[in-house]
Protein backbone atom coordinates (compact mmCIF):
# COMPACT_ATOMS: atom_id res chain seq x y z
CA MET A 1 -15.06 -9.08 -4.87
CA GLN A 2 -14.80 -7.60 -8.59
CA LEU A 3 -12.41 -7.98 -11.20
CA ILE A 4 -9.87 -5.08 -11.08
CA ASN A 5 -11.33 -2.01 -13.03
CA PRO A 6 -7.93 -0.25 -13.75
CA SER A 7 -9.49 2.87 -14.33
CA GLU A 8 -11.27 2.72 -11.07
CA VAL A 9 -8.69 1.51 -8.88
CA GLN A 10 -6.51 4.40 -10.79
CA ARG A 11 -9.20 6.79 -9.28
CA ARG A 12 -9.40 5.53 -5.93
CA LEU A 13 -5.13 5.69 -5.91
CA ASP A 14 -5.49 9.06 -6.78
CA THR A 15 -7.97 10.22 -4.18
CA LEU A 16 -5.68 8.39 -1.50
CA LYS A 17 -2.47 10.05 -2.32
CA ASP A 18 -0.54 12.69 -0.03
CA GLN A 19 -2.66 11.27 3.31
CA ASP A 20 -1.44 9.18 6.26
CA LEU A 21 -3.22 5.57 5.52
CA TYR A 22 -3.03 2.43 7.00
CA ILE A 23 -1.36 -0.62 4.49
CA HIS A 24 -2.04 -4.22 4.87
CA LEU A 25 -0.02 -5.76 2.25
CA GLU A 26 0.86 -9.84 2.35
CA MET A 27 1.34 -12.75 0.18
CA THR A 28 1.72 -16.41 0.19
CA THR A 29 2.70 -18.79 -2.02
CA GLY A 30 1.16 -21.78 -0.08
CA ALA A 31 2.99 -21.54 3.48
CA TYR A 32 -0.34 -22.32 5.10
CA ALA A 33 -0.62 -25.57 3.41
CA ALA A 34 3.34 -26.52 2.46
CA HIS A 35 2.81 -29.37 5.05
CA ARG A 36 0.24 -30.90 2.28
CA ASP A 37 2.74 -30.78 -0.24
CA SER A 38 6.62 -30.97 0.16
CA SER A 39 7.49 -29.67 -3.43
CA LYS A 40 5.79 -26.16 -2.50
CA HIS A 41 8.50 -23.80 -1.19
CA PRO A 42 6.62 -21.96 1.83
CA ALA A 43 7.27 -18.45 1.47
CA ALA A 44 5.09 -15.47 2.65
CA ASN A 45 5.04 -11.87 3.76
CA PHE A 46 2.98 -9.94 5.84
CA ILE A 47 2.56 -6.44 7.14
CA THR A 48 -0.49 -4.68 8.89
CA ASN A 49 -1.97 -1.02 10.01
CA ALA A 50 1.98 0.40 9.39
CA LEU A 51 1.22 4.05 8.27
CA ILE A 52 2.34 5.42 4.94
CA ARG A 53 2.23 8.08 2.66
CA TYR A 54 2.69 7.97 -1.00
CA THR A 55 3.10 10.86 -3.61
CA HIS A 56 1.88 8.91 -5.99
CA GLY A 57 0.38 5.39 -6.76
CA SER A 58 -0.09 3.99 -10.05
CA ILE A 59 -1.66 0.56 -11.56
CA SER A 60 -0.59 -1.10 -14.54
CA GLY A 61 -0.30 -4.51 -16.41
CA ASN A 62 -2.94 -6.14 -18.27
CA GLY A 63 -4.20 -8.45 -15.09
CA PRO A 64 -3.16 -9.62 -13.23
CA TYR A 65 -2.16 -5.93 -12.36
CA ARG A 66 0.72 -4.53 -10.61
CA VAL A 67 0.36 -1.55 -8.11
CA GLY A 68 3.11 0.90 -6.86
CA LEU A 69 2.96 3.58 -4.49
CA LYS A 70 5.95 6.00 -4.40
CA MET A 71 6.90 7.56 -0.95
CA PRO A 72 9.37 9.98 -0.24
CA GLN A 73 11.90 7.56 1.07
CA GLY A 74 11.07 4.33 -1.71
CA TRP A 75 8.33 2.56 -2.72
CA ALA A 76 5.75 -0.23 -1.68
CA TYR A 77 4.90 -2.58 -4.30
CA SER A 78 2.67 -5.38 -5.20
CA GLU A 79 1.99 -7.81 -8.46
CA GLY A 80 -0.39 -10.43 -8.98
CA LEU A 81 -3.64 -8.48 -8.03
CA THR A 82 -6.99 -9.55 -10.21
CA HIS A 83 -9.97 -8.29 -7.82
CA PHE A 84 -10.73 -5.31 -6.01
CA GLU A 85 -14.00 -4.49 -3.33
CA GLU A 86 -16.11 -2.07 -4.81
CA SER A 87 -18.25 -1.37 -1.99
CA GLU A 88 -15.66 0.17 0.21
CA PRO A 89 -15.79 3.46 -0.83
CA GLU A 90 -13.41 4.61 2.11
CA ARG A 91 -11.04 2.24 1.42
CA LEU A 92 -9.05 0.48 -1.66
CA ILE A 93 -8.94 -3.31 -0.91
CA MET A 94 -6.93 -5.28 -3.35
CA ALA A 95 -6.33 -8.95 -4.07
CA GLY A 96 -4.86 -11.60 -6.12
CA HIS A 97 -6.50 -15.14 -6.64
CA ASP A 98 -4.81 -17.80 -8.21
CA SER A 99 -6.48 -20.18 -10.96
CA GLN A 100 -8.61 -22.35 -8.15
CA GLY A 101 -9.73 -19.28 -6.27
CA LYS A 102 -7.17 -19.10 -3.57
CA LEU A 103 -5.58 -16.05 -1.96
CA VAL A 104 -1.96 -15.18 -3.27
CA VAL A 105 -1.44 -11.66 -2.55
CA SER A 106 -3.27 -8.53 -0.58
CA LEU A 107 -2.71 -4.83 -0.59
CA GLN A 108 -5.51 -2.99 1.47
CA LEU A 109 -5.10 0.96 2.13
CA SER A 110 -7.44 2.70 4.19
CA ARG A 111 -7.61 6.01 6.52
CA GLU A 112 -8.47 3.57 9.45
CA PRO A 113 -6.91 0.79 10.68
CA PHE A 114 -8.13 -2.35 9.45
């Protein structure tokens, strides 16, 4: 994965809008490792292979980045994104890693299921 290039991510968001897409969205603040440090509040969310269609997608921030997807009935939103996968031209795969390189958040969009 490469550091996010906001103009390239925006270009891909524009390319994928107004289409049925599969979304993978997850976030963890240490839910998998909370048993090692009881001072950490375990929190996580996860959704995969749900169909969405957005009418407007945008990336903002100076890094870590935020991506918002405006849908007819609401929004999908992800914050803390730091990296994206350049070698996946048909899918948009983004992730946020903490200072130790651990995954904190992931947002992925694809025309095919994950």
